[in-house]
Protein backbone atom coordinates (compact mmCIF):
# COMPACT_ATOMS: atom_id res chain seq x y z
CA MET A 1 39.14 -5.81 0.78
CA ILE A 2 35.82 -6.87 2.20
CA ARG A 3 36.03 -10.45 3.33
CA PRO A 4 34.10 -12.96 1.18
CA ARG A 5 32.29 -14.33 4.22
CA ALA A 6 31.00 -10.88 5.13
CA GLU A 7 29.74 -10.36 1.59
CA GLN A 8 28.13 -13.80 1.61
CA ALA A 9 26.35 -13.00 4.87
CA TRP A 10 24.87 -9.81 3.39
CA THR A 11 23.90 -11.63 0.21
CA LEU A 12 22.26 -14.47 2.15
CA ALA A 13 20.26 -12.05 4.29
CA ALA A 14 19.11 -10.15 1.19
CA ALA A 15 18.20 -13.44 -0.51
CA LEU A 16 16.02 -14.36 2.47
CA VAL A 17 14.21 -11.03 2.14
CA ALA A 18 13.64 -11.63 -1.59
CA ALA A 19 12.38 -15.14 -0.87
CA ALA A 20 9.98 -13.83 1.77
CA VAL A 21 8.53 -11.37 -0.76
CA CYS A 22 8.00 -14.22 -3.25
CA LEU A 23 6.47 -16.56 -0.65
CA PRO A 24 2.94 -15.05 -0.73
CA LEU A 25 2.75 -15.57 -4.48
CA LEU A 26 3.73 -19.23 -4.14
CA ALA A 27 1.24 -19.62 -1.30
CA LEU A 28 -1.40 -17.97 -3.48
CA ALA A 29 -0.91 -20.60 -6.18
CA TRP A 30 -1.04 -23.36 -3.55
CA ALA A 31 -4.28 -22.02 -2.07
CA ALA A 32 -5.85 -21.65 -5.51
CA ALA A 33 -5.09 -25.32 -6.26
CA GLN A 34 -6.96 -26.56 -3.17
CA GLY A 35 -10.45 -26.15 -4.64
CA SER A 36 -13.27 -24.15 -3.17
CA ASP A 37 -16.00 -26.59 -2.15
CA GLY A 38 -18.16 -26.03 -5.21
CA LEU A 39 -18.29 -22.26 -4.92
CA TRP A 40 -15.67 -21.74 -7.60
CA SER A 41 -18.00 -22.98 -10.36
CA HIS A 42 -20.55 -20.37 -9.30
CA VAL A 43 -17.86 -17.66 -9.33
CA VAL A 44 -16.68 -18.70 -12.81
CA GLN A 45 -20.17 -18.69 -14.28
CA HIS A 46 -21.76 -15.67 -12.61
CA VAL A 47 -19.10 -13.47 -11.02
CA LEU A 48 -15.74 -13.65 -12.78
CA PRO A 49 -16.88 -12.77 -16.35
CA GLN A 50 -18.55 -9.54 -15.27
CA ALA A 51 -15.69 -8.63 -12.90
CA THR A 52 -13.08 -9.26 -15.60
CA ARG A 53 -15.02 -7.26 -18.18
CA ASN A 54 -15.49 -4.34 -15.77
CA THR A 55 -11.80 -4.42 -14.81
CA LEU A 56 -10.59 -4.40 -18.42
CA LEU A 57 -13.01 -1.62 -19.39
CA LEU A 58 -11.96 0.38 -16.35
CA LEU A 59 -8.27 -0.08 -17.15
CA GLY A 60 -8.80 0.84 -20.79
CA GLY A 61 -10.80 3.97 -20.02
CA VAL A 62 -8.44 5.15 -17.29
CA GLY A 63 -5.45 4.48 -19.54
CA VAL A 64 -6.81 6.66 -22.34
CA LEU A 65 -7.75 9.45 -19.92
CA VAL A 66 -4.44 9.56 -18.02
CA ILE A 67 -2.48 9.59 -21.28
CA ALA A 68 -4.53 12.49 -22.63
CA LEU A 69 -4.49 14.50 -19.40
CA GLY A 70 -0.92 13.73 -18.36
CA THR A 71 0.69 14.23 -21.76
CA GLY A 72 -1.40 17.27 -22.64
CA SER A 73 -0.77 19.06 -19.35
CA ALA A 74 2.97 18.24 -19.45
CA TRP A 75 3.26 19.70 -22.96
CA LEU A 76 1.21 22.75 -21.99
CA VAL A 77 3.38 23.83 -19.04
CA THR A 78 6.65 22.90 -20.78
CA ALA A 79 6.21 24.21 -24.31
CA TYR A 80 4.32 27.45 -23.60
CA ALA A 81 4.79 30.45 -21.32
CA PHE A 82 1.75 32.19 -19.83
CA PRO A 83 0.84 33.90 -16.55
CA GLY A 84 0.35 31.31 -13.81
CA ARG A 85 2.45 28.66 -15.58
CA ARG A 86 4.88 28.17 -12.68
CA VAL A 87 2.05 27.68 -10.19
CA LEU A 88 0.20 25.35 -12.54
CA ALA A 89 3.34 23.24 -13.09
CA TRP A 90 3.41 22.12 -9.45
CA ALA A 91 -0.36 22.34 -8.88
CA LEU A 92 -0.86 19.61 -11.48
CA LEU A 93 0.82 17.24 -8.98
CA LEU A 94 -1.74 17.88 -6.24
CA PRO A 95 -4.16 15.03 -7.16
CA LEU A 96 -1.41 12.61 -6.09
CA ALA A 97 -2.15 13.64 -2.50
CA VAL A 98 -5.73 12.34 -2.69
CA PRO A 99 -6.25 8.55 -2.74
CA THR A 100 -8.78 7.34 -5.28
CA TYR A 101 -11.23 6.10 -2.67
CA ILE A 102 -11.28 9.53 -1.02
CA VAL A 103 -12.12 11.25 -4.32
CA ALA A 104 -14.96 8.78 -4.86
CA PHE A 105 -16.14 9.36 -1.28
CA ALA A 106 -16.20 13.15 -1.86
CA TYR A 107 -17.91 13.10 -5.24
CA LEU A 108 -20.63 10.72 -4.07
CA ASP A 109 -21.89 13.52 -1.83
CA LEU A 110 -20.96 16.41 -4.13
CA LEU A 111 -22.84 14.91 -7.10
CA HIS A 112 -25.76 13.48 -5.14
CA PRO A 113 -29.13 14.63 -6.53
CA LEU A 114 -29.59 16.62 -3.32
CA GLY A 115 -25.89 17.56 -3.09
CA PRO A 116 -24.42 21.04 -3.54
CA ILE A 117 -23.55 20.84 -7.26
CA GLN A 118 -26.89 19.61 -8.57
CA SER A 119 -28.80 21.83 -6.12
CA ALA A 120 -26.85 24.88 -7.34
CA LEU A 121 -27.52 23.98 -10.98
CA ARG A 122 -31.26 23.62 -10.32
CA ASP A 123 -31.33 26.97 -8.54
CA LEU A 124 -29.50 28.56 -11.45
CA LEU A 125 -31.95 27.08 -13.97
CA GLY A 126 -35.02 27.80 -11.83
CA ILE A 127 -35.92 24.13 -11.37
CA ALA A 128 -37.45 23.16 -8.04
CA SER A 129 -37.62 19.35 -8.03
CA PRO A 130 -34.70 16.93 -8.44
CA ARG A 131 -37.00 14.79 -10.55
CA ASP A 132 -37.10 17.47 -13.25
CA PHE A 133 -33.32 17.80 -13.54
CA ARG A 134 -30.68 15.25 -12.64
CA LEU A 135 -27.15 14.70 -13.82
CA PRO A 136 -26.02 11.20 -14.84
CA ASP A 137 -25.36 8.98 -11.85
CA VAL A 138 -21.71 8.98 -10.79
CA ARG A 139 -22.18 5.40 -9.54
CA SER A 140 -21.28 3.86 -12.88
CA LEU A 141 -18.35 2.62 -14.90
CA PRO A 142 -17.97 5.92 -16.82
CA GLY A 143 -18.07 7.77 -13.50
CA ALA A 144 -15.32 5.55 -12.11
CA ILE A 145 -13.18 6.08 -15.23
CA LEU A 146 -13.50 9.86 -15.00
CA LEU A 147 -12.76 10.06 -11.28
CA LEU A 148 -9.80 7.69 -11.37
CA GLY A 149 -8.40 9.36 -14.48
CA PHE A 150 -8.47 12.82 -12.92
CA VAL A 151 -6.63 11.51 -9.84
CA LEU A 152 -4.01 9.28 -11.48
CA TYR A 153 -2.92 11.38 -14.48
CA PRO A 154 0.05 12.89 -12.50
CA TYR A 155 1.94 9.61 -12.98
CA VAL A 156 2.01 10.29 -16.72
CA TYR A 157 2.48 14.03 -16.20
CA LEU A 158 5.61 13.57 -14.07
CA ALA A 159 7.39 11.16 -16.40
CA THR A 160 6.38 12.94 -19.61
CA ARG A 161 7.28 16.42 -18.41
CA ALA A 162 10.74 15.23 -17.40
CA MET A 163 11.19 13.88 -20.93
CA PHE A 164 9.96 17.10 -22.52
CA MET A 165 12.24 19.23 -20.35
CA THR A 166 15.42 17.36 -21.30
CA GLN A 167 15.66 14.99 -24.22
CA ALA A 168 13.17 16.75 -26.45
CA ALA A 169 14.68 20.25 -26.26
CA GLY A 170 17.33 20.02 -28.97
CA LEU A 171 15.17 18.09 -31.44
CA LEU A 172 12.19 20.36 -30.93
CA GLU A 173 14.32 23.43 -31.55
CA ALA A 174 15.69 21.81 -34.71
CA GLY A 175 12.14 21.04 -35.89
CA ARG A 176 11.05 24.58 -35.15
CA SER A 177 13.98 25.97 -37.14
CA LEU A 178 12.88 23.80 -40.10
CA GLY A 179 9.47 25.48 -40.09
CA ALA A 180 7.37 22.90 -38.23
CA GLY A 181 4.23 24.32 -36.63
CA ARG A 182 3.03 23.73 -33.09
CA ALA A 183 0.86 20.74 -33.95
CA ALA A 184 3.58 19.13 -36.07
CA LEU A 185 6.16 19.60 -33.33
CA PHE A 186 3.93 17.87 -30.82
CA PHE A 187 2.65 14.94 -32.90
CA ARG A 188 5.71 14.28 -35.06
CA VAL A 189 8.57 15.01 -32.63
CA ALA A 190 7.52 15.36 -28.99
CA LEU A 191 4.97 12.54 -28.79
CA PRO A 192 7.21 9.81 -30.28
CA LEU A 193 10.04 10.93 -27.98
CA ALA A 194 7.74 10.78 -24.96
CA ARG A 195 6.46 7.27 -25.66
CA PRO A 196 8.74 5.53 -23.12
CA ALA A 197 7.79 8.04 -20.42
CA ILE A 198 4.10 7.71 -21.29
CA ALA A 199 4.38 3.92 -21.06
CA VAL A 200 5.98 4.07 -17.61
CA GLY A 201 3.48 6.58 -16.22
CA THR A 202 0.48 4.78 -17.69
CA ALA A 203 1.61 1.43 -16.28
CA LEU A 204 1.91 2.94 -12.79
CA ALA A 205 -1.53 4.55 -13.08
CA LEU A 206 -3.11 1.29 -14.24
CA LEU A 207 -1.47 -0.69 -11.45
CA GLU A 208 -2.99 1.80 -9.00
CA THR A 209 -6.35 1.34 -10.74
CA LEU A 210 -6.06 -2.42 -10.44
CA ASN A 211 -5.17 -2.09 -6.76
CA ASP A 212 -8.16 0.17 -6.04
CA ILE A 213 -11.00 -1.27 -4.02
CA GLY A 214 -12.70 1.65 -2.26
CA ALA A 215 -13.50 3.83 -5.27
CA SER A 216 -14.73 0.89 -7.35
CA GLU A 217 -17.01 -0.37 -4.59
CA PHE A 218 -18.29 3.11 -3.69
CA LEU A 219 -19.14 3.73 -7.36
CA GLY A 220 -20.83 0.36 -7.85
CA VAL A 221 -18.26 -1.13 -10.25
CA ARG A 222 -17.61 -4.78 -9.49
CA THR A 223 -13.95 -5.24 -10.41
CA LEU A 224 -11.66 -8.20 -9.76
CA THR A 225 -10.36 -6.47 -6.63
CA VAL A 226 -13.84 -6.05 -5.19
CA THR A 227 -14.67 -9.64 -6.12
CA VAL A 228 -11.60 -10.98 -4.28
CA TYR A 229 -12.60 -9.05 -1.17
CA THR A 230 -16.23 -10.18 -1.18
CA THR A 231 -15.32 -13.78 -2.00
CA TRP A 232 -13.04 -14.00 1.03
CA VAL A 233 -14.84 -11.77 3.56
CA THR A 234 -18.48 -12.47 2.64
CA ARG A 235 -18.31 -16.07 1.46
CA GLY A 236 -15.27 -17.18 3.47
CA ASP A 237 -13.90 -18.90 0.37
CA LEU A 238 -10.12 -18.54 0.52
CA ALA A 239 -9.43 -20.85 -2.43
CA GLY A 240 -11.93 -18.99 -4.62
CA ALA A 241 -10.45 -15.67 -3.57
CA ALA A 242 -6.96 -16.98 -4.36
CA GLN A 243 -8.05 -18.09 -7.81
CA ILE A 244 -9.51 -14.68 -8.60
CA ALA A 245 -6.38 -13.07 -7.15
CA LEU A 246 -4.29 -15.11 -9.59
CA ALA A 247 -6.38 -13.66 -12.41
CA MET A 248 -5.58 -10.20 -11.04
CA LEU A 249 -1.90 -11.11 -10.94
CA VAL A 250 -2.04 -12.10 -14.60
CA VAL A 251 -3.51 -8.68 -15.42
CA ALA A 252 -0.76 -6.96 -13.38
CA VAL A 253 1.96 -8.93 -15.19
CA ALA A 254 0.33 -8.08 -18.52
CA LEU A 255 0.41 -4.37 -17.62
CA ILE A 256 4.11 -4.56 -16.77
CA ALA A 257 4.81 -6.47 -19.99
CA LEU A 258 2.85 -3.84 -21.92
CA GLU A 259 4.97 -1.11 -20.34
CA ARG A 260 8.16 -2.96 -21.30
CA HIS A 261 6.83 -3.40 -24.82
CA GLY A 262 6.06 0.32 -25.04
CA ARG A 263 9.67 1.12 -24.13
CA ARG A 264 11.37 -1.45 -26.33
CA ARG A 265 14.11 -0.01 -28.53
CA GLN A 266 13.34 3.39 -27.07
CA ARG A 267 16.48 4.66 -25.40
CA TYR A 268 17.79 8.17 -25.50
CA ALA A 269 21.12 9.22 -24.10
CA ALA A 270 22.10 12.76 -23.20
CA THR A 271 25.74 13.46 -23.94
CA GLN A 272 25.52 16.91 -22.39
CA ARG A 273 23.97 18.33 -19.28
CA PRO A 274 20.16 18.35 -19.70
CA ARG A 275 18.70 21.74 -20.43
CA PRO A 276 15.05 22.70 -20.38
CA MET A 277 12.97 23.41 -23.43
CA GLN A 278 12.54 27.05 -24.44
CA PRO A 279 8.82 27.76 -23.96
CA GLN A 280 7.00 30.00 -26.41
CA ARG A 281 5.14 32.98 -25.02
CA LEU A 282 1.39 33.02 -25.68
CA GLY A 283 -0.80 36.02 -26.27
CA PRO A 284 -3.56 37.19 -23.88
CA LEU A 285 -6.29 34.95 -25.33
CA GLY A 286 -3.99 31.94 -25.65
CA SER A 287 -2.72 32.46 -22.10
CA ALA A 288 -6.24 32.54 -20.70
CA CYS A 289 -7.21 29.37 -22.59
CA ALA A 290 -4.00 27.57 -21.52
CA LEU A 291 -4.51 28.48 -17.87
CA ALA A 292 -8.14 27.37 -17.96
CA LEU A 293 -7.33 24.05 -19.64
CA GLY A 294 -4.47 23.33 -17.25
CA ALA A 295 -6.58 24.20 -14.21
CA ILE A 296 -9.41 21.77 -15.04
CA PRO A 297 -7.55 18.60 -13.87
CA VAL A 298 -6.36 20.39 -10.72
CA VAL A 299 -9.85 21.61 -9.81
CA LEU A 300 -11.57 18.29 -10.47
CA GLY A 301 -8.82 16.07 -9.10
CA PHE A 302 -7.90 18.05 -5.99
CA VAL A 303 -9.56 21.40 -5.30
CA LEU A 304 -13.20 20.26 -5.24
CA PRO A 305 -12.61 17.09 -3.16
CA ALA A 306 -10.25 18.88 -0.74
CA ALA A 307 -12.64 21.83 -0.32
CA TYR A 308 -15.52 19.44 0.33
CA LEU A 309 -13.52 17.51 2.95
CA ALA A 310 -12.48 20.73 4.69
CA HIS A 311 -16.09 21.99 4.75
CA GLU A 312 -17.52 18.71 6.05
CA SER A 313 -14.77 18.40 8.65
CA TRP A 314 -15.46 21.93 9.88
CA LYS A 315 -19.16 21.10 10.16
CA ARG A 316 -18.37 17.97 12.17
CA VAL A 317 -16.00 19.77 14.54
CA SER A 318 -18.22 22.83 15.02
CA LEU A 319 -21.46 20.87 15.54
CA TYR A 320 -20.10 18.23 17.90
CA GLY A 321 -17.22 20.15 19.47
CA GLY A 322 -14.50 17.82 18.21
CA VAL A 323 -14.06 14.33 16.81
CA SER A 324 -15.05 10.98 18.24
CA ASP A 325 -12.76 8.87 20.40
CA GLN A 326 -12.96 6.10 17.80
CA LEU A 327 -11.53 8.41 15.15
CA VAL A 328 -8.70 9.44 17.47
CA ALA A 329 -7.95 5.75 18.08
CA SER A 330 -7.97 5.11 14.33
CA ALA A 331 -5.52 7.98 13.78
CA TRP A 332 -3.24 6.59 16.50
CA ASN A 333 -3.36 3.11 14.95
CA THR A 334 -2.56 4.58 11.54
CA VAL A 335 0.45 6.57 12.74
CA THR A 336 1.77 3.65 14.80
CA LEU A 337 1.47 1.19 11.92
CA ALA A 338 3.01 3.65 9.48
CA LEU A 339 5.99 4.36 11.73
CA VAL A 340 6.73 0.69 12.46
CA ALA A 341 6.27 -0.32 8.81
CA THR A 342 8.47 2.57 7.64
CA VAL A 343 11.31 1.57 9.95
CA ALA A 344 11.06 -2.08 8.90
CA THR A 345 10.84 -1.21 5.21
CA LEU A 346 13.83 1.14 5.36
CA ALA A 347 15.94 -1.41 7.24
CA LEU A 348 15.21 -4.20 4.77
CA GLY A 349 15.62 -1.89 1.78
CA LEU A 350 19.00 -0.80 3.11
CA LEU A 351 20.02 -4.42 3.62
CA VAL A 352 19.15 -5.47 0.06
CA ALA A 353 20.62 -2.31 -1.50
CA TRP A 354 23.89 -2.76 0.40
CA ALA A 355 24.13 -6.41 -0.67
CA LEU A 356 23.64 -5.29 -4.28
CA ARG A 357 26.31 -2.62 -3.78
CA LEU A 358 28.81 -5.17 -2.51
CA ALA A 359 28.08 -7.47 -5.43
CA GLN A 360 28.48 -4.59 -7.86
CA LEU A 361 31.86 -3.64 -6.39
CA ARG A 362 33.03 -7.22 -6.86
CA ARG A 363 31.38 -7.27 -10.31
CA ARG A 364 29.01 -10.10 -9.50
CA THR A 365 25.89 -8.56 -10.96
CA ARG A 366 24.50 -11.80 -12.39
CA SER A 367 24.61 -13.65 -9.10
CA SER A 368 22.90 -10.74 -7.37
CA ALA A 369 20.08 -10.42 -9.94
CA PRO A 370 17.68 -12.67 -7.93
CA LEU A 371 17.95 -10.19 -5.04
CA ARG A 372 15.94 -7.72 -7.08
CA LEU A 373 12.90 -9.92 -6.56
CA ALA A 374 12.62 -8.08 -3.26
CA ALA A 375 11.08 -5.21 -5.24
CA LEU A 376 8.37 -7.46 -6.66
CA GLY A 377 5.77 -6.53 -4.04
CA TYR A 378 5.09 -3.07 -5.44
CA ALA A 379 3.90 -4.58 -8.73
CA VAL A 380 1.49 -6.89 -6.88
CA PRO A 381 -1.90 -5.40 -5.97
CA GLY A 382 -2.48 -5.11 -2.23
CA THR A 383 -5.46 -7.46 -2.36
CA VAL A 384 -3.42 -10.18 -4.07
CA LEU A 385 -0.57 -9.79 -1.59
CA ALA A 386 -2.94 -9.95 1.37
CA ILE A 387 -4.66 -13.12 0.13
CA GLY A 388 -1.26 -14.69 -0.52
CA LEU A 389 -0.11 -13.86 3.01
CA LEU A 390 -3.08 -15.54 4.67
CA VAL A 391 -1.69 -19.02 4.04
CA PRO A 392 1.94 -18.60 5.29
CA LEU A 393 0.77 -16.55 8.26
CA GLY A 394 -1.66 -19.31 9.14
CA TRP A 395 1.13 -21.89 8.82
CA PHE A 396 3.38 -19.85 11.08
CA ASP A 397 0.70 -19.41 13.73
CA ALA A 398 -0.10 -23.14 13.69
CA ALA A 399 3.57 -24.16 13.94
CA VAL A 400 4.40 -21.75 16.77
CA GLY A 401 1.21 -22.68 18.60
CA ALA A 402 2.10 -26.38 18.43
CA VAL A 403 5.59 -25.72 19.77
CA LEU A 404 4.32 -23.58 22.65
CA GLU A 405 1.67 -26.16 23.53
CA GLN A 406 4.24 -28.95 23.76
CA ALA A 407 6.80 -26.88 25.64
CA PHE A 408 4.63 -24.82 28.00
CA GLY A 409 1.15 -26.28 27.77
CA ILE A 410 -0.34 -23.15 26.22
CA ALA A 411 -1.96 -23.05 22.81
CA PRO A 412 -2.16 -19.46 21.54
CA ARG A 413 -3.91 -18.92 18.25
CA MET A 414 -3.55 -16.27 15.58
CA LEU A 415 -0.27 -14.86 16.88
CA LEU A 416 0.36 -12.95 13.67
CA MET A 417 -3.08 -13.04 12.09
CA GLY A 418 -4.66 -11.64 15.22
CA SER A 419 -2.24 -8.75 15.60
CA MET A 420 -0.95 -5.72 13.74
CA ALA A 421 2.17 -7.70 12.83
CA ALA A 422 0.36 -9.10 9.79
CA LEU A 423 -0.29 -5.56 8.56
CA VAL A 424 3.32 -4.52 9.12
CA ILE A 425 4.52 -7.55 7.14
CA ALA A 426 2.14 -6.76 4.28
CA TYR A 427 3.12 -3.08 4.21
CA THR A 428 6.81 -3.95 4.26
CA MET A 429 6.53 -6.36 1.35
CA ARG A 430 4.28 -4.02 -0.61
CA PHE A 431 6.45 -0.91 -0.33
CA LEU A 432 9.93 -2.42 -0.08
CA ALA A 433 10.54 -1.38 -3.69
CA ILE A 434 10.22 2.30 -2.72
CA SER A 435 12.81 1.95 0.01
CA LEU A 436 15.13 -0.14 -2.15
CA GLY A 437 14.92 2.28 -5.06
CA GLY A 438 15.58 5.30 -2.86
CA VAL A 439 18.59 3.74 -1.14
CA GLU A 440 20.02 2.47 -4.43
CA ALA A 441 19.72 5.94 -5.93
CA GLY A 442 21.54 7.37 -2.92
CA LEU A 443 24.29 4.77 -3.10
CA ALA A 444 24.76 5.41 -6.81
CA ARG A 445 25.78 8.98 -5.99
CA ILE A 446 28.53 7.78 -3.61
CA SER A 447 31.85 7.19 -5.34
CA PRO A 448 33.30 3.66 -5.12
CA SER A 449 36.57 5.30 -4.07
CA LEU A 450 35.05 5.81 -0.60
CA ASP A 451 34.46 2.06 -0.35
CA GLN A 452 38.06 1.43 -1.34
CA ALA A 453 39.29 3.96 1.22
CA ALA A 454 37.24 2.27 3.94
CA ARG A 455 38.69 -1.12 3.00
CA SER A 456 42.24 0.21 3.02
CA LEU A 457 41.66 1.45 6.58
CA GLY A 458 40.57 -2.02 7.70
CA SER A 459 36.85 -1.36 7.86
CA GLY A 460 34.54 -4.26 7.06
CA ALA A 461 31.25 -4.19 5.18
CA ALA A 462 29.16 -3.26 8.22
CA GLY A 463 31.70 -0.68 9.39
CA ALA A 464 31.86 1.00 5.99
CA LEU A 465 28.07 1.16 5.84
CA TRP A 466 27.73 2.56 9.35
CA ARG A 467 30.57 5.08 9.35
CA VAL A 468 30.80 6.18 5.72
CA HIS A 469 27.63 5.53 3.75
CA LEU A 470 24.80 6.05 6.25
CA PRO A 471 25.67 9.72 6.91
CA LEU A 472 25.79 10.33 3.16
CA LEU A 473 22.53 8.43 2.65
CA ALA A 474 20.55 10.56 5.12
CA PRO A 475 18.69 12.63 2.45
CA ALA A 476 17.79 9.54 0.39
CA LEU A 477 16.64 7.67 3.49
CA ALA A 478 14.51 10.61 4.60
CA ALA A 479 12.83 10.89 1.20
CA ALA A 480 12.18 7.14 1.05
CA ALA A 481 10.82 7.17 4.62
CA LEU A 482 8.39 9.95 3.72
CA LEU A 483 7.09 8.11 0.66
CA VAL A 484 6.68 4.81 2.52
CA PHE A 485 4.96 6.50 5.48
CA VAL A 486 2.40 8.20 3.27
CA ASP A 487 1.74 5.09 1.17
CA VAL A 488 1.16 3.02 4.31
CA MET A 489 -1.32 5.60 5.59
CA LYS A 490 -3.25 5.47 2.31
CA GLU A 491 -3.20 1.68 1.80
CA LEU A 492 -6.73 0.28 1.94
CA PRO A 493 -7.05 -3.17 0.25
CA ALA A 494 -4.42 -5.02 2.31
CA THR A 495 -5.59 -3.28 5.49
CA LEU A 496 -9.20 -4.36 4.96
CA LEU A 497 -8.20 -8.01 4.55
CA LEU A 498 -5.54 -8.34 7.27
CA ARG A 499 -6.49 -5.94 10.07
CA PRO A 500 -7.31 -7.51 13.44
CA LEU A 501 -10.85 -7.44 14.77
CA ASN A 502 -11.96 -4.10 16.22
CA VAL A 503 -8.87 -2.34 14.88
CA GLU A 504 -9.45 0.57 12.53
CA THR A 505 -7.10 2.82 10.59
CA LEU A 506 -8.04 6.12 9.00
CA ALA A 507 -8.49 4.37 5.65
CA THR A 508 -10.75 1.61 7.01
CA TRP A 509 -12.62 4.13 9.17
CA LEU A 510 -13.39 6.18 6.07
CA TYR A 511 -14.43 3.01 4.22
CA ALA A 512 -16.85 2.08 6.98
CA GLU A 513 -18.28 5.60 7.24
CA ALA A 514 -18.87 5.75 3.50
CA ALA A 515 -20.63 2.37 3.64
CA ARG A 516 -22.92 3.76 6.37
CA GLY A 517 -23.41 7.07 4.56
CA THR A 518 -22.11 9.18 7.48
CA TYR A 519 -20.01 11.61 5.49
CA GLU A 520 -19.21 14.16 8.22
CA GLU A 521 -17.18 11.78 10.37
CA GLY A 522 -15.54 10.16 7.37
CA ALA A 523 -14.55 13.56 6.00
CA VAL A 524 -12.29 14.20 9.00
CA ALA A 525 -10.41 10.93 8.42
CA ALA A 526 -10.14 11.67 4.70
CA LEU A 527 -8.84 15.19 5.32
CA LEU A 528 -6.12 13.86 7.62
CA ILE A 529 -4.98 11.40 4.95
CA VAL A 530 -4.95 14.13 2.30
CA ALA A 531 -3.01 16.51 4.57
CA VAL A 532 -0.28 13.91 5.10
CA GLY A 533 -0.36 12.99 1.41
CA LEU A 534 0.54 16.57 0.52
CA LEU A 535 4.03 16.13 1.99
CA PRO A 536 5.55 14.03 -0.82
CA VAL A 537 3.76 16.19 -3.39
CA ILE A 538 5.47 19.26 -1.94
CA LEU A 539 8.78 17.39 -2.09
CA LEU A 540 8.19 16.49 -5.74
CA ALA A 541 7.22 20.08 -6.55
CA ARG A 542 10.41 21.42 -4.96
CA VAL A 543 12.54 18.92 -6.88
CA GLY A 544 10.78 19.87 -10.10
CA ALA A 545 11.27 23.57 -9.42
CA ARG A 546 15.03 23.02 -9.03
CA PHE A 547 15.24 20.73 -12.04
CA GLY A 548 15.55 23.49 -14.59
CA THR A 549 13.86 26.56 -15.91
CA ALA A 550 14.20 28.41 -19.16
CA ARG A 551 13.37 31.86 -20.32
CA PRO A 552 10.48 32.00 -22.77
CA THR A 553 11.09 32.86 -26.38
CA PRO A 554 8.79 35.32 -28.12
């Protein structure tokens, strides 16, 4: 058997990781309690009410839109058969490849009064002046709701379609045999069954909305996230920023509680192997309408922004014969940070998952429950995590600087805060849940008999992990590494707050270019992020294609 001391060492190391993830939240509360030199009263009276109202309205509008788009599109490609259905089923995932701030960046130019869409409409209507015809300004709260909704609906689509393809099949066929029509099947059977999946997908979409900073600022919506950033960066008020960040944390916890509430008493077990729903074949007119309806979210959420970025990037490269050295440096910084953060995140995720595995084998699940706090960072918005990290990083730099000054007579400052290490720490804490979840899923597919065989051959905990489990975990580790790498590349809020001076990533480069209105150079950075973001979408599409298909019924 694995020696108790070895298990305790793994558990202690995993507990330290979980404590490190919780530390920024404790530091956030400490910083918020320090006061803000009179600025907090101004924030409470003039800034926080509007930011809170905008945030809640944005969350409410995006929630309604992602539920409608995600659930409707999932039902469309699952319950009905029509030409183009297979392509549409994976194409509906494509908006996941485009971060929200990139979609806002693209549509600001596309929907500008002098942009291509409004210019084409005026030409079509024979109107010469923009003053005589102008679409509603996209820089508004409704504009932000629409853009974010058309990008984030795949979270609901993924979870709901999986539910429709498995658990709903038998009950839907029973309802159909009892004479229920299409509308009754959807509203009385499918929708109640899908409620847990809708709750999970909506919660993820709303957490992404709460974490957004670029799209909200580009579109002129002053949310809590934007307020935290301006309070810290513009006013230099850390305590005020921490207090607003705590308000954001309350909203995030409320969203998670709402998701739990939506899934209460909603558990469905499959006693047999899941089988896909039998889709009904549509006629020519119904097929055309279904394809058109399903294509609208794909076109608005991915095709138009991606085509715009490709066109603007081509213009930039052809006019100037390449890209700037600063953009190349930003791309190098992005890849370097993503690689280092991915390795660190995978290593720590493996450590915590293996400690949980050892506790599970010894049936000590209650004592290992606190280790799951290591996954807390993914539920915390990047802005909140970054503000919470400022205090412990400052403490660390001050303590190390004092030791080095006494020992060697040198007094370095901002050892972590002035380097990319702060970003790597933030990325690791933020996306540790992805790594932990992927490794745990891989370990769950490995039979405990292999652990017992390793013990019987005298192998310890580390030896069993290295020789037996790691080779079997290679696919799960690769998938988790891909997801973490892409998420690090797209992360904007934490990067804006913690990046060193004169260090840019592709995300911050795009943010700066959009602020200056230089869309050609920013389009190249955005296109690179989208191209990399397509990789996990392709992976998800391949998994979905293998999940199960069914022949349509007439």
